[in-house]
Amino acid sequence: MAVIPRPDPEAGEIPKALVMMRTGTSVSAQELMAFVADRVADFKRIREVEFVDHIPKSPSGKILRGVLVERERLRRPGA
């Protein structure tokens, strides 16, 4: 799972989770948001969840958040 900022016209940015599911598991976006909301401050709550097939990582295994953020900005050019 990776969390990135998503542009929002009202708030400026909101947290968006990108989740890669393991085979044989099932969880809904609502369940994930509720789980996180119980454990973090209000401004850190995830507002959107997207299930993806792949999360890009560097050779050392770190998540390439910059790639994910750029991909999100290209999807929502006016936001």
Protein backbone atom coordinates (compact mmCIF):
# COMPACT_ATOMS: atom_id res chain seq x y z
CA MET A 1 0.00 0.00 0.00
CA ALA A 2 1.16 3.51 -0.81
CA VAL A 3 -0.46 6.79 0.20
CA ILE A 4 -0.11 9.82 -2.06
CA PRO A 5 -1.61 13.31 -2.11
CA ARG A 6 -4.51 13.74 -4.54
CA PRO A 7 -5.33 17.28 -5.70
CA ASP A 8 -8.66 18.52 -4.33
CA PRO A 9 -10.31 21.84 -5.25
CA GLU A 10 -11.67 22.40 -1.71
CA ALA A 11 -8.90 21.13 0.58
CA GLY A 12 -5.90 21.49 -1.73
CA GLU A 13 -4.82 17.87 -1.28
CA ILE A 14 -6.35 14.77 0.28
CA PRO A 15 -4.76 11.38 1.09
CA LYS A 16 -5.35 8.64 -1.48
CA ALA A 17 -4.29 5.02 -0.91
CA LEU A 18 -3.08 2.79 -3.71
CA VAL A 19 -3.50 -0.81 -2.65
CA MET A 20 -2.09 -3.93 -4.28
CA MET A 21 -4.12 -6.94 -3.12
CA ARG A 22 -2.55 -10.30 -2.44
CA THR A 23 -4.06 -13.33 -4.14
CA GLY A 24 -6.88 -14.82 -2.13
CA THR A 25 -7.59 -11.74 0.00
CA SER A 26 -10.62 -9.55 -0.18
CA VAL A 27 -11.26 -6.29 1.59
CA SER A 28 -13.38 -3.36 0.54
CA ALA A 29 -12.32 0.25 0.22
CA GLN A 30 -14.73 1.17 3.03
CA GLU A 31 -13.13 -1.40 5.37
CA LEU A 32 -9.65 -0.02 4.67
CA MET A 33 -10.74 3.58 5.22
CA ALA A 34 -12.47 2.64 8.50
CA PHE A 35 -9.39 0.72 9.70
CA VAL A 36 -7.09 3.68 9.05
CA ALA A 37 -9.58 6.25 10.44
CA ASP A 38 -9.57 4.45 13.81
CA ARG A 39 -5.79 4.83 14.05
CA VAL A 40 -4.87 8.27 12.68
CA ALA A 41 -5.77 11.94 13.11
CA ASP A 42 -8.71 13.31 11.09
CA PHE A 43 -6.56 15.16 8.57
CA LYS A 44 -4.62 11.95 7.83
CA ARG A 45 -7.70 9.83 7.09
CA ILE A 46 -7.71 8.22 3.66
CA ARG A 47 -10.44 9.75 1.51
CA GLU A 48 -10.03 7.56 -1.57
CA VAL A 49 -8.79 4.03 -2.26
CA GLU A 50 -7.67 2.65 -5.61
CA PHE A 51 -6.85 -1.02 -6.12
CA VAL A 52 -3.89 -1.44 -8.49
CA ASP A 53 -2.02 -4.36 -10.06
CA HIS A 54 1.44 -2.92 -9.54
CA ILE A 55 3.19 -0.40 -7.27
CA PRO A 56 6.54 0.74 -8.72
CA LYS A 57 9.60 0.15 -6.53
CA SER A 58 13.27 1.03 -6.79
CA PRO A 59 15.92 -1.72 -7.01
CA SER A 60 16.38 -1.41 -3.24
CA GLY A 61 12.65 -2.00 -2.67
CA LYS A 62 11.49 1.52 -1.83
CA ILE A 63 8.13 2.65 -3.21
CA LEU A 64 8.55 5.25 -5.95
CA ARG A 65 5.95 7.71 -4.66
CA GLY A 66 7.06 10.39 -7.13
CA VAL A 67 6.03 8.16 -10.03
CA LEU A 68 2.64 7.55 -8.42
CA VAL A 69 2.07 11.25 -7.71
CA GLU A 70 2.96 12.20 -11.30
CA ARG A 71 0.62 9.51 -12.64
CA GLU A 72 -2.20 10.91 -10.48
CA ARG A 73 -1.55 14.49 -11.65
CA LEU A 74 -1.67 13.38 -15.30
CA ARG A 75 -5.04 11.70 -14.67
CA ARG A 76 -6.56 14.80 -13.08
CA PRO A 77 -5.04 17.75 -14.93
CA GLY A 78 -7.49 20.43 -13.74
CA ALA A 79 -7.83 19.33 -10.13
